[in-house]
């Protein structure tokens, strides 16, 4: 197996990529992660693609309305800068997400593994199955290509 390419949000290679702006077009559910006293103050969240991310007390768990097990942690600061509440337990992403094919990092090799250091943990993915997303504070994460095709539209 090939050694993964490692990418962090401050990696200079990100400045060479041609990120394009997209808007998310779906409503999502949101649940605050507020464990009680004596309960664990962190929670491991396993994404549908197998990433192990860590939610900390005060993070928001954001997910798809029609897929209760499909959720991911978002820090309060990123949530406030990126999302808008539209009702109890419902939000939409108001911020633009910048996307670029991960294969732009791998010289077009779709089978190259890429390890991405996100705010919530480290995730290794196959370049051909994911885009690289960049958020409002320069944070990065892998974004499944199939999901992007369903719910993302180019920003005007």
N, C-alpha and C. Protein backbone atom coordinates (compact mmCIF):
# COMPACT_ATOMS: atom_id res chain seq x y z
N UNK A 1 0.82 -1.18 0.00
CA UNK A 1 0.00 0.00 0.00
C UNK A 1 0.88 1.25 0.00
N UNK A 2 0.45 2.27 -0.70
CA UNK A 2 1.20 3.52 -0.78
C UNK A 2 1.15 4.26 0.54
N UNK A 3 2.21 5.01 0.81
CA UNK A 3 2.23 5.88 1.98
C UNK A 3 1.29 7.05 1.71
N UNK A 4 0.47 7.43 2.68
CA UNK A 4 -0.44 8.56 2.45
C UNK A 4 0.28 9.89 2.34
N UNK A 5 -0.28 10.77 1.56
CA UNK A 5 0.14 12.17 1.55
C UNK A 5 -0.54 12.80 2.77
N UNK A 6 0.19 13.57 3.54
CA UNK A 6 -0.35 14.18 4.75
C UNK A 6 -0.60 15.66 4.49
N UNK A 7 -1.81 16.11 4.86
CA UNK A 7 -2.20 17.51 4.62
C UNK A 7 -2.74 18.11 5.92
N UNK A 8 -2.25 19.28 6.26
CA UNK A 8 -2.74 20.04 7.41
C UNK A 8 -3.23 21.39 6.92
N UNK A 9 -4.05 22.07 7.71
CA UNK A 9 -4.66 23.32 7.27
C UNK A 9 -3.65 24.42 6.99
N UNK A 10 -2.45 24.35 7.58
CA UNK A 10 -1.43 25.37 7.32
C UNK A 10 -0.41 24.93 6.27
N UNK A 11 -0.70 23.84 5.58
CA UNK A 11 0.22 23.32 4.57
C UNK A 11 0.29 24.28 3.37
N UNK A 12 1.47 24.71 2.97
CA UNK A 12 1.61 25.64 1.84
C UNK A 12 1.04 25.09 0.52
N UNK A 13 0.97 23.77 0.37
CA UNK A 13 0.43 23.19 -0.87
C UNK A 13 -1.01 23.63 -1.11
N UNK A 14 -1.75 23.94 -0.04
CA UNK A 14 -3.15 24.35 -0.18
C UNK A 14 -3.26 25.65 -0.98
N UNK A 15 -2.24 26.50 -0.92
CA UNK A 15 -2.26 27.76 -1.66
C UNK A 15 -2.12 27.56 -3.17
N UNK A 16 -1.70 26.39 -3.59
CA UNK A 16 -1.52 26.13 -5.02
C UNK A 16 -2.76 25.49 -5.65
N UNK A 17 -3.72 25.10 -4.82
CA UNK A 17 -4.91 24.41 -5.32
C UNK A 17 -5.98 25.41 -5.75
N UNK A 18 -6.75 25.05 -6.76
CA UNK A 18 -7.81 25.93 -7.27
C UNK A 18 -9.15 25.54 -6.65
N UNK A 19 -9.32 25.96 -5.40
CA UNK A 19 -10.59 25.73 -4.70
C UNK A 19 -11.69 26.53 -5.40
N UNK A 20 -12.88 25.95 -5.47
CA UNK A 20 -14.04 26.63 -6.06
C UNK A 20 -15.14 26.70 -4.99
N UNK A 21 -15.90 27.82 -4.95
CA UNK A 21 -16.92 27.99 -3.92
C UNK A 21 -18.22 27.24 -4.24
N UNK A 22 -18.76 26.57 -3.22
CA UNK A 22 -20.02 25.83 -3.34
C UNK A 22 -20.92 26.18 -2.16
N UNK A 23 -22.22 26.03 -2.39
CA UNK A 23 -23.21 26.20 -1.33
C UNK A 23 -23.94 24.88 -1.11
N UNK A 24 -24.18 24.60 0.15
CA UNK A 24 -24.95 23.43 0.54
C UNK A 24 -26.42 23.77 0.40
N UNK A 25 -27.22 22.87 -0.13
CA UNK A 25 -28.63 23.17 -0.41
C UNK A 25 -29.61 22.37 0.45
N UNK A 26 -29.15 21.79 1.54
CA UNK A 26 -30.05 20.97 2.35
C UNK A 26 -30.13 21.47 3.80
N UNK A 27 -31.27 21.17 4.43
CA UNK A 27 -31.42 21.40 5.86
C UNK A 27 -30.74 20.26 6.60
N UNK A 28 -30.25 20.56 7.78
CA UNK A 28 -29.61 19.55 8.61
C UNK A 28 -30.16 19.64 10.03
N UNK A 29 -29.97 18.55 10.74
CA UNK A 29 -30.34 18.56 12.16
C UNK A 29 -29.09 18.90 12.95
N UNK A 30 -29.31 19.46 14.13
CA UNK A 30 -28.19 19.81 14.98
C UNK A 30 -28.57 19.51 16.43
N UNK A 31 -27.63 18.89 17.14
CA UNK A 31 -27.83 18.51 18.53
C UNK A 31 -26.58 18.96 19.30
N UNK A 32 -26.74 19.76 20.34
CA UNK A 32 -25.56 20.11 21.14
C UNK A 32 -25.06 18.90 21.92
N UNK A 33 -23.75 18.77 22.00
CA UNK A 33 -23.16 17.70 22.81
C UNK A 33 -22.84 18.30 24.18
N UNK A 34 -23.74 18.04 25.13
CA UNK A 34 -23.60 18.57 26.48
C UNK A 34 -23.75 17.42 27.48
N UNK A 35 -22.65 16.71 27.72
CA UNK A 35 -22.72 15.61 28.68
C UNK A 35 -22.89 16.13 30.10
N UNK A 36 -23.54 15.35 30.91
CA UNK A 36 -23.76 15.71 32.31
C UNK A 36 -22.53 15.48 33.15
N UNK A 37 -22.62 15.95 34.39
CA UNK A 37 -21.53 15.72 35.34
C UNK A 37 -21.34 14.23 35.55
N UNK A 38 -20.10 13.81 35.59
CA UNK A 38 -19.79 12.41 35.80
C UNK A 38 -19.86 11.58 34.52
N UNK A 39 -20.30 12.17 33.41
CA UNK A 39 -20.31 11.47 32.12
C UNK A 39 -19.05 11.84 31.35
N UNK A 40 -18.65 11.00 30.38
CA UNK A 40 -17.48 11.35 29.56
C UNK A 40 -17.71 12.69 28.86
N UNK A 41 -16.68 13.52 28.84
CA UNK A 41 -16.77 14.86 28.26
C UNK A 41 -16.36 14.89 26.79
N UNK A 42 -16.06 13.73 26.24
CA UNK A 42 -15.79 13.60 24.82
C UNK A 42 -16.57 12.40 24.30
N UNK A 43 -16.76 12.37 23.00
CA UNK A 43 -17.48 11.25 22.39
C UNK A 43 -16.87 11.01 21.01
N UNK A 44 -16.55 9.76 20.75
CA UNK A 44 -16.06 9.41 19.42
C UNK A 44 -17.25 9.33 18.46
N UNK A 45 -17.11 9.95 17.30
CA UNK A 45 -18.12 9.91 16.26
C UNK A 45 -17.50 9.21 15.06
N UNK A 46 -18.15 8.17 14.58
CA UNK A 46 -17.66 7.44 13.41
C UNK A 46 -18.52 7.83 12.22
N UNK A 47 -17.88 8.40 11.21
CA UNK A 47 -18.60 8.86 10.02
C UNK A 47 -18.97 7.66 9.15
N UNK A 48 -19.89 7.85 8.20
CA UNK A 48 -20.25 6.74 7.31
C UNK A 48 -19.08 6.19 6.49
N UNK A 49 -18.06 7.02 6.26
CA UNK A 49 -16.90 6.54 5.50
C UNK A 49 -15.80 6.01 6.41
N UNK A 50 -16.08 5.94 7.72
CA UNK A 50 -15.18 5.26 8.63
C UNK A 50 -14.21 6.14 9.40
N UNK A 51 -14.30 7.45 9.25
CA UNK A 51 -13.41 8.34 10.02
C UNK A 51 -13.83 8.34 11.48
N UNK A 52 -12.86 8.40 12.36
CA UNK A 52 -13.10 8.49 13.79
C UNK A 52 -12.79 9.91 14.23
N UNK A 53 -13.83 10.68 14.55
CA UNK A 53 -13.68 12.07 14.96
C UNK A 53 -14.06 12.21 16.43
N UNK A 54 -13.54 13.23 17.07
CA UNK A 54 -13.80 13.41 18.50
C UNK A 54 -14.64 14.65 18.74
N UNK A 55 -15.80 14.46 19.35
CA UNK A 55 -16.64 15.58 19.79
C UNK A 55 -16.28 15.90 21.23
N UNK A 56 -16.16 17.20 21.51
CA UNK A 56 -15.86 17.65 22.86
C UNK A 56 -17.08 18.37 23.43
N UNK A 57 -17.17 18.42 24.74
CA UNK A 57 -18.29 19.10 25.40
C UNK A 57 -18.46 20.49 24.79
N UNK A 58 -19.71 20.80 24.39
CA UNK A 58 -20.02 22.08 23.78
C UNK A 58 -20.03 22.06 22.27
N UNK A 59 -19.46 21.03 21.65
CA UNK A 59 -19.52 20.91 20.19
C UNK A 59 -20.96 20.68 19.77
N UNK A 60 -21.24 20.91 18.51
CA UNK A 60 -22.55 20.64 17.93
C UNK A 60 -22.42 19.41 17.05
N UNK A 61 -23.37 18.50 17.15
CA UNK A 61 -23.41 17.32 16.29
C UNK A 61 -24.39 17.64 15.17
N UNK A 62 -23.85 17.75 13.95
CA UNK A 62 -24.63 18.13 12.78
C UNK A 62 -24.78 16.89 11.92
N UNK A 63 -25.97 16.70 11.34
CA UNK A 63 -26.19 15.52 10.52
C UNK A 63 -27.33 15.69 9.54
N UNK A 64 -27.45 14.69 8.70
CA UNK A 64 -28.50 14.67 7.69
C UNK A 64 -29.83 14.34 8.34
N UNK A 65 -30.90 14.97 7.88
CA UNK A 65 -32.23 14.72 8.43
C UNK A 65 -32.68 13.28 8.20
N UNK A 66 -32.35 12.74 7.05
CA UNK A 66 -32.83 11.40 6.67
C UNK A 66 -31.84 10.28 7.01
N UNK A 67 -30.76 10.60 7.69
CA UNK A 67 -29.78 9.58 8.05
C UNK A 67 -29.29 9.84 9.47
N UNK A 68 -30.00 9.33 10.47
CA UNK A 68 -29.69 9.64 11.86
C UNK A 68 -28.28 9.26 12.30
N UNK A 69 -27.67 8.29 11.65
CA UNK A 69 -26.31 7.88 12.04
C UNK A 69 -25.24 8.67 11.32
N UNK A 70 -25.61 9.52 10.35
CA UNK A 70 -24.67 10.31 9.58
C UNK A 70 -24.54 11.67 10.24
N UNK A 71 -23.54 11.82 11.11
CA UNK A 71 -23.33 13.08 11.80
C UNK A 71 -21.84 13.31 12.01
N UNK A 72 -21.52 14.55 12.32
CA UNK A 72 -20.14 14.93 12.54
C UNK A 72 -20.11 16.07 13.54
N UNK A 73 -19.02 16.17 14.32
CA UNK A 73 -18.92 17.26 15.31
C UNK A 73 -18.43 18.55 14.66
N UNK A 74 -18.97 19.67 15.15
CA UNK A 74 -18.56 21.00 14.70
C UNK A 74 -18.32 21.84 15.95
N UNK A 75 -17.18 22.52 16.01
CA UNK A 75 -16.91 23.37 17.17
C UNK A 75 -17.91 24.53 17.19
N UNK A 76 -18.23 25.06 18.37
CA UNK A 76 -19.18 26.17 18.45
C UNK A 76 -18.77 27.38 17.60
N UNK A 77 -17.47 27.68 17.56
CA UNK A 77 -16.99 28.83 16.79
C UNK A 77 -17.23 28.63 15.30
N UNK A 78 -16.93 27.45 14.80
CA UNK A 78 -17.14 27.15 13.37
C UNK A 78 -18.64 27.10 13.08
N UNK A 79 -19.42 26.53 13.98
CA UNK A 79 -20.87 26.47 13.77
C UNK A 79 -21.44 27.89 13.64
N UNK A 80 -21.07 28.77 14.57
CA UNK A 80 -21.59 30.14 14.55
C UNK A 80 -21.19 30.88 13.28
N UNK A 81 -20.00 30.61 12.76
CA UNK A 81 -19.53 31.28 11.56
C UNK A 81 -20.06 30.65 10.27
N UNK A 82 -20.55 29.41 10.35
CA UNK A 82 -20.91 28.67 9.13
C UNK A 82 -22.39 28.36 8.98
N UNK A 83 -23.11 28.19 10.07
CA UNK A 83 -24.49 27.71 10.02
C UNK A 83 -25.47 28.76 10.53
N UNK A 84 -26.74 28.56 10.18
CA UNK A 84 -27.81 29.40 10.67
C UNK A 84 -28.93 28.49 11.16
N UNK A 85 -29.40 28.73 12.36
CA UNK A 85 -30.52 27.97 12.89
C UNK A 85 -31.79 28.43 12.17
N UNK A 86 -32.63 27.46 11.75
CA UNK A 86 -33.88 27.81 11.06
C UNK A 86 -35.09 27.31 11.83
N UNK A 87 -34.86 26.64 12.93
CA UNK A 87 -35.91 26.12 13.78
C UNK A 87 -35.28 25.25 14.84
N UNK A 88 -36.10 24.75 15.79
CA UNK A 88 -35.55 23.89 16.83
C UNK A 88 -34.87 22.65 16.23
N UNK A 89 -33.58 22.51 16.50
CA UNK A 89 -32.84 21.35 16.03
C UNK A 89 -32.60 21.30 14.54
N UNK A 90 -32.80 22.41 13.83
CA UNK A 90 -32.63 22.45 12.37
C UNK A 90 -31.73 23.63 11.99
N UNK A 91 -30.86 23.39 11.01
CA UNK A 91 -29.98 24.44 10.56
C UNK A 91 -29.72 24.30 9.06
N UNK A 92 -29.16 25.34 8.48
CA UNK A 92 -28.65 25.30 7.11
C UNK A 92 -27.27 25.91 7.15
N UNK A 93 -26.45 25.46 6.23
CA UNK A 93 -25.11 26.03 6.15
C UNK A 93 -25.19 27.30 5.32
N UNK A 94 -24.85 28.41 5.92
CA UNK A 94 -24.92 29.67 5.19
C UNK A 94 -23.60 30.04 4.55
N UNK A 95 -22.52 29.52 5.07
CA UNK A 95 -21.20 29.84 4.54
C UNK A 95 -20.91 29.05 3.28
N UNK A 96 -20.11 29.63 2.44
CA UNK A 96 -19.63 28.95 1.25
C UNK A 96 -18.56 27.95 1.69
N UNK A 97 -18.55 26.79 1.06
CA UNK A 97 -17.50 25.80 1.28
C UNK A 97 -16.64 25.76 0.02
N UNK A 98 -15.35 25.83 0.20
CA UNK A 98 -14.44 25.75 -0.94
C UNK A 98 -14.08 24.29 -1.16
N UNK A 99 -14.16 23.84 -2.41
CA UNK A 99 -13.89 22.43 -2.73
C UNK A 99 -12.89 22.33 -3.87
N UNK A 100 -12.09 21.28 -3.81
CA UNK A 100 -11.16 20.94 -4.88
C UNK A 100 -11.01 19.41 -4.88
N UNK A 101 -10.88 18.78 -6.05
CA UNK A 101 -10.67 17.32 -6.05
C UNK A 101 -9.38 16.96 -5.31
N UNK A 102 -9.45 15.94 -4.46
CA UNK A 102 -8.24 15.49 -3.76
C UNK A 102 -7.20 14.98 -4.75
N UNK A 103 -7.64 14.54 -5.91
CA UNK A 103 -6.67 14.07 -6.92
C UNK A 103 -5.79 15.21 -7.42
N UNK A 104 -6.17 16.47 -7.17
CA UNK A 104 -5.28 17.58 -7.51
C UNK A 104 -4.03 17.56 -6.64
N UNK A 105 -4.09 16.90 -5.49
CA UNK A 105 -2.92 16.74 -4.61
C UNK A 105 -2.08 15.52 -4.97
N UNK A 106 -2.67 14.62 -5.75
CA UNK A 106 -2.02 13.32 -5.98
C UNK A 106 -1.56 13.13 -7.42
N UNK A 107 -1.43 14.23 -8.16
CA UNK A 107 -1.07 14.16 -9.58
C UNK A 107 -2.04 13.28 -10.35
N UNK A 108 -3.31 13.34 -9.97
CA UNK A 108 -4.35 12.60 -10.67
C UNK A 108 -4.52 11.16 -10.26
N UNK A 109 -3.76 10.68 -9.30
CA UNK A 109 -3.84 9.28 -8.87
C UNK A 109 -5.03 9.09 -7.93
N UNK A 110 -6.11 8.43 -8.40
CA UNK A 110 -7.29 8.26 -7.55
C UNK A 110 -7.09 7.27 -6.41
N UNK A 111 -6.09 6.40 -6.52
CA UNK A 111 -5.87 5.38 -5.49
C UNK A 111 -4.92 5.83 -4.38
N UNK A 112 -4.35 7.00 -4.52
CA UNK A 112 -3.41 7.51 -3.51
C UNK A 112 -4.16 7.83 -2.21
N UNK A 113 -3.73 7.26 -1.08
CA UNK A 113 -4.33 7.66 0.20
C UNK A 113 -3.84 9.05 0.61
N UNK A 114 -4.75 9.82 1.21
CA UNK A 114 -4.42 11.16 1.70
C UNK A 114 -4.90 11.23 3.15
N UNK A 115 -4.01 11.64 4.03
CA UNK A 115 -4.33 11.83 5.43
C UNK A 115 -4.54 13.31 5.68
N UNK A 116 -5.74 13.65 6.17
CA UNK A 116 -6.11 15.05 6.38
C UNK A 116 -6.29 15.29 7.88
N UNK A 117 -5.60 16.30 8.37
CA UNK A 117 -5.72 16.69 9.77
C UNK A 117 -6.86 17.69 9.87
N UNK A 118 -8.00 17.25 10.42
CA UNK A 118 -9.17 18.11 10.59
C UNK A 118 -9.17 18.67 12.01
N UNK A 119 -10.11 19.54 12.31
CA UNK A 119 -10.22 20.06 13.68
C UNK A 119 -10.59 18.97 14.67
N UNK A 120 -11.30 17.95 14.19
CA UNK A 120 -11.82 16.91 15.08
C UNK A 120 -10.99 15.63 15.09
N UNK A 121 -9.96 15.56 14.27
CA UNK A 121 -9.14 14.36 14.24
C UNK A 121 -8.46 14.20 12.90
N UNK A 122 -7.87 13.04 12.72
CA UNK A 122 -7.12 12.72 11.51
C UNK A 122 -7.92 11.69 10.72
N UNK A 123 -8.03 11.91 9.41
CA UNK A 123 -8.84 11.06 8.55
C UNK A 123 -8.02 10.71 7.31
N UNK A 124 -7.92 9.43 7.00
CA UNK A 124 -7.22 8.99 5.79
C UNK A 124 -8.25 8.44 4.82
N UNK A 125 -8.23 8.95 3.59
CA UNK A 125 -9.21 8.59 2.57
C UNK A 125 -8.51 8.30 1.25
N UNK A 126 -9.24 7.66 0.33
CA UNK A 126 -8.77 7.42 -1.03
C UNK A 126 -9.05 8.68 -1.85
N UNK A 127 -8.04 9.23 -2.49
CA UNK A 127 -8.17 10.52 -3.18
C UNK A 127 -9.30 10.53 -4.20
N UNK A 128 -9.51 9.46 -4.93
CA UNK A 128 -10.52 9.44 -5.98
C UNK A 128 -11.95 9.47 -5.48
N UNK A 129 -12.16 9.22 -4.20
CA UNK A 129 -13.52 9.19 -3.64
C UNK A 129 -13.90 10.48 -2.93
N UNK A 130 -12.96 11.42 -2.78
CA UNK A 130 -13.19 12.60 -1.95
C UNK A 130 -12.71 13.88 -2.61
N UNK A 131 -13.31 14.96 -2.17
CA UNK A 131 -12.85 16.30 -2.45
C UNK A 131 -12.19 16.81 -1.17
N UNK A 132 -11.37 17.83 -1.30
CA UNK A 132 -10.85 18.50 -0.12
C UNK A 132 -11.68 19.74 0.08
N UNK A 133 -12.23 19.90 1.28
CA UNK A 133 -13.06 21.05 1.62
C UNK A 133 -12.27 21.98 2.52
N UNK A 134 -12.51 23.29 2.34
CA UNK A 134 -11.90 24.30 3.20
C UNK A 134 -13.02 25.22 3.68
N UNK A 135 -13.03 25.47 4.99
CA UNK A 135 -14.11 26.24 5.60
C UNK A 135 -13.75 27.68 5.91
N UNK A 136 -14.61 28.31 6.69
CA UNK A 136 -14.54 29.74 6.96
C UNK A 136 -13.30 30.18 7.73
N UNK A 137 -12.69 29.30 8.46
CA UNK A 137 -11.50 29.64 9.24
C UNK A 137 -10.26 28.94 8.71
N UNK A 138 -10.34 28.44 7.47
CA UNK A 138 -9.20 27.75 6.88
C UNK A 138 -9.12 26.28 7.27
N UNK A 139 -10.10 25.81 8.06
CA UNK A 139 -10.11 24.40 8.46
C UNK A 139 -10.36 23.53 7.22
N UNK A 140 -9.82 22.35 7.21
CA UNK A 140 -9.98 21.44 6.07
C UNK A 140 -10.54 20.11 6.53
N UNK A 141 -11.18 19.41 5.58
CA UNK A 141 -11.72 18.09 5.85
C UNK A 141 -11.99 17.40 4.52
N UNK A 142 -12.03 16.07 4.53
CA UNK A 142 -12.40 15.36 3.30
C UNK A 142 -13.92 15.40 3.11
N UNK A 143 -14.37 15.57 1.87
CA UNK A 143 -15.80 15.66 1.58
C UNK A 143 -16.11 14.60 0.52
N UNK A 144 -16.97 13.64 0.81
CA UNK A 144 -17.26 12.57 -0.16
C UNK A 144 -17.79 13.15 -1.47
N UNK A 145 -17.18 12.74 -2.59
CA UNK A 145 -17.60 13.24 -3.90
C UNK A 145 -19.06 12.95 -4.18
N UNK A 146 -19.51 11.76 -3.82
CA UNK A 146 -20.90 11.37 -4.07
C UNK A 146 -21.87 12.29 -3.32
N UNK A 147 -21.55 12.60 -2.09
CA UNK A 147 -22.40 13.48 -1.28
C UNK A 147 -22.39 14.90 -1.85
N UNK A 148 -21.22 15.38 -2.28
CA UNK A 148 -21.12 16.72 -2.85
C UNK A 148 -22.00 16.84 -4.10
N UNK A 149 -22.02 15.80 -4.91
CA UNK A 149 -22.83 15.84 -6.14
C UNK A 149 -24.32 15.95 -5.81
N UNK A 150 -24.74 15.39 -4.69
CA UNK A 150 -26.15 15.42 -4.29
C UNK A 150 -26.57 16.75 -3.67
N UNK A 151 -25.71 17.35 -2.84
CA UNK A 151 -26.18 18.48 -2.02
C UNK A 151 -25.41 19.78 -2.20
N UNK A 152 -24.41 19.83 -3.02
CA UNK A 152 -23.64 21.07 -3.21
C UNK A 152 -23.91 21.63 -4.60
N UNK A 153 -23.98 22.96 -4.68
CA UNK A 153 -24.17 23.68 -5.95
C UNK A 153 -23.12 24.78 -6.02
N UNK A 154 -22.60 25.05 -7.23
CA UNK A 154 -21.64 26.15 -7.34
C UNK A 154 -22.24 27.45 -6.81
N UNK A 155 -21.45 28.21 -6.07
CA UNK A 155 -21.91 29.50 -5.54
C UNK A 155 -21.90 30.52 -6.67
N UNK A 156 -22.85 31.43 -6.61
CA UNK A 156 -22.92 32.48 -7.63
C UNK A 156 -21.80 33.47 -7.48
